[in-house]
């Protein structure tokens, strides 16, 4: 089975650690891939580094969407909310 985890980043944080631990356990019998939305260097060790898919800096659509949202939020008098973007 192929399992895909999408998370904010692999920086220092509890969710990142849990995802890496669960991924390592599930990776024994399955194929596990990770997709971090933000481009932060992994703090936690991931045994299969080639299973970390493209980062936000490589994803032109995400960068475009983030810029458009940021400008629309400013025009609408709202604050930029990274949780909405993720």
C-alpha atoms as a PDB file:
ATOM      1  CA  UNK A   1       0.000   0.000   0.000  1.00  0.00           C
ATOM      2  CA  UNK A   2       1.155   3.558  -0.685  1.00  0.00           C
ATOM      3  CA  UNK A   3       0.644   6.020   2.185  1.00  0.00           C
ATOM      4  CA  UNK A   4       0.961   9.793   1.731  1.00  0.00           C
ATOM      5  CA  UNK A   5       1.433  12.278   4.601  1.00  0.00           C
ATOM      6  CA  UNK A   6       0.930  15.985   3.983  1.00  0.00           C
ATOM      7  CA  UNK A   7       2.145  18.268   6.772  1.00  0.00           C
ATOM      8  CA  UNK A   8       3.130  21.881   7.333  1.00  0.00           C
ATOM      9  CA  UNK A   9       6.859  21.273   7.640  1.00  0.00           C
ATOM     10  CA  UNK A  10       9.450  18.950   9.118  1.00  0.00           C
ATOM     11  CA  UNK A  11      10.691  21.580  11.555  1.00  0.00           C
ATOM     12  CA  UNK A  12      10.802  21.210  15.306  1.00  0.00           C
ATOM     13  CA  UNK A  13       7.316  20.279  16.447  1.00  0.00           C
ATOM     14  CA  UNK A  14       5.235  17.508  17.948  1.00  0.00           C
ATOM     15  CA  UNK A  15       3.105  16.829  14.880  1.00  0.00           C
ATOM     16  CA  UNK A  16       6.198  16.499  12.697  1.00  0.00           C
ATOM     17  CA  UNK A  17       7.722  14.039  15.132  1.00  0.00           C
ATOM     18  CA  UNK A  18       4.561  11.931  15.329  1.00  0.00           C
ATOM     19  CA  UNK A  19       4.251  11.862  11.534  1.00  0.00           C
ATOM     20  CA  UNK A  20       7.855  10.682  11.161  1.00  0.00           C
ATOM     21  CA  UNK A  21       7.397   7.997  13.831  1.00  0.00           C
ATOM     22  CA  UNK A  22       4.141   6.726  12.332  1.00  0.00           C
ATOM     23  CA  UNK A  23       5.647   6.889   8.849  1.00  0.00           C
ATOM     24  CA  UNK A  24       8.692   4.883   9.918  1.00  0.00           C
ATOM     25  CA  UNK A  25       6.453   2.212  11.494  1.00  0.00           C
ATOM     26  CA  UNK A  26       4.137   2.009   8.510  1.00  0.00           C
ATOM     27  CA  UNK A  27       7.123   2.092   6.149  1.00  0.00           C
ATOM     28  CA  UNK A  28       8.192  -1.381   7.225  1.00  0.00           C
ATOM     29  CA  UNK A  29       5.362  -2.992   5.245  1.00  0.00           C
ATOM     30  CA  UNK A  30       4.186  -0.100   3.032  1.00  0.00           C
ATOM     31  CA  UNK A  31       5.526   2.648   0.815  1.00  0.00           C
ATOM     32  CA  UNK A  32       5.357   5.967   2.696  1.00  0.00           C
ATOM     33  CA  UNK A  33       5.744   9.429   1.138  1.00  0.00           C
ATOM     34  CA  UNK A  34       5.790  12.855   2.789  1.00  0.00           C
ATOM     35  CA  UNK A  35       4.816  16.248   1.363  1.00  0.00           C
ATOM     36  CA  UNK A  36       5.839  19.265   3.492  1.00  0.00           C
ATOM     37  CA  UNK A  37       3.981  22.435   2.527  1.00  0.00           C
ATOM     38  CA  UNK A  38       6.661  24.798   3.843  1.00  0.00           C
ATOM     39  CA  UNK A  39      10.292  24.543   2.855  1.00  0.00           C
ATOM     40  CA  UNK A  40      11.940  24.002   6.233  1.00  0.00           C
ATOM     41  CA  UNK A  41      14.931  21.718   6.623  1.00  0.00           C
ATOM     42  CA  UNK A  42      13.869  18.474   8.340  1.00  0.00           C
ATOM     43  CA  UNK A  43      14.641  18.553  12.057  1.00  0.00           C
ATOM     44  CA  UNK A  44      13.573  14.945  12.630  1.00  0.00           C
ATOM     45  CA  UNK A  45      15.407  12.165  10.850  1.00  0.00           C
ATOM     46  CA  UNK A  46      13.611  10.484   7.976  1.00  0.00           C
ATOM     47  CA  UNK A  47      15.296   7.286   6.840  1.00  0.00           C
ATOM     48  CA  UNK A  48      14.108   7.505   3.247  1.00  0.00           C
ATOM     49  CA  UNK A  49      14.939  11.080   2.253  1.00  0.00           C
ATOM     50  CA  UNK A  50      13.975  10.355  -1.360  1.00  0.00           C
ATOM     51  CA  UNK A  51      10.376   9.838  -0.170  1.00  0.00           C
ATOM     52  CA  UNK A  52      10.077  13.518   0.782  1.00  0.00           C
ATOM     53  CA  UNK A  53       8.309  14.990  -2.237  1.00  0.00           C
ATOM     54  CA  UNK A  54       8.635  18.496  -3.714  1.00  0.00           C
ATOM     55  CA  UNK A  55       8.810  21.420  -1.358  1.00  0.00           C
ATOM     56  CA  UNK A  56       6.840  24.641  -1.606  1.00  0.00           C
ATOM     57  CA  UNK A  57       9.748  26.407  -3.309  1.00  0.00           C
ATOM     58  CA  UNK A  58       9.534  23.852  -6.128  1.00  0.00           C
ATOM     59  CA  UNK A  59       5.757  24.148  -6.419  1.00  0.00           C
ATOM     60  CA  UNK A  60       4.993  27.213  -8.557  1.00  0.00           C
ATOM     61  CA  UNK A  61       1.222  26.834  -8.177  1.00  0.00           C
ATOM     62  CA  UNK A  62       1.491  26.991  -4.380  1.00  0.00           C
ATOM     63  CA  UNK A  63       3.702  30.082  -4.502  1.00  0.00           C
ATOM     64  CA  UNK A  64       1.279  31.797  -6.899  1.00  0.00           C
ATOM     65  CA  UNK A  65      -1.747  30.850  -4.744  1.00  0.00           C
ATOM     66  CA  UNK A  66      -0.052  32.105  -1.584  1.00  0.00           C
ATOM     67  CA  UNK A  67       0.814  35.477  -3.166  1.00  0.00           C
ATOM     68  CA  UNK A  68      -2.703  35.939  -4.568  1.00  0.00           C
ATOM     69  CA  UNK A  69      -4.285  35.049  -1.226  1.00  0.00           C
ATOM     70  CA  UNK A  70      -1.940  37.391   0.648  1.00  0.00           C
ATOM     71  CA  UNK A  71      -2.867  40.335  -1.603  1.00  0.00           C
ATOM     72  CA  UNK A  72      -6.592  39.556  -1.575  1.00  0.00           C
ATOM     73  CA  UNK A  73      -6.570  39.299   2.208  1.00  0.00           C
ATOM     74  CA  UNK A  74      -4.825  42.679   2.463  1.00  0.00           C
ATOM     75  CA  UNK A  75      -7.321  44.278   0.078  1.00  0.00           C
ATOM     76  CA  UNK A  76     -10.200  42.812   2.069  1.00  0.00           C
ATOM     77  CA  UNK A  77      -8.791  44.114   5.351  1.00  0.00           C
ATOM     78  CA  UNK A  78      -8.023  40.627   6.688  1.00  0.00           C
ATOM     79  CA  UNK A  79      -4.838  39.238   8.126  1.00  0.00           C
ATOM     80  CA  UNK A  80      -2.822  36.585   6.293  1.00  0.00           C
ATOM     81  CA  UNK A  81      -3.722  33.165   7.721  1.00  0.00           C
ATOM     82  CA  UNK A  82      -1.201  30.394   6.964  1.00  0.00           C
ATOM     83  CA  UNK A  83      -3.655  27.786   8.308  1.00  0.00           C
ATOM     84  CA  UNK A  84      -6.095  28.647   5.513  1.00  0.00           C
ATOM     85  CA  UNK A  85      -3.329  28.385   2.917  1.00  0.00           C
ATOM     86  CA  UNK A  86      -2.263  24.983   4.204  1.00  0.00           C
END
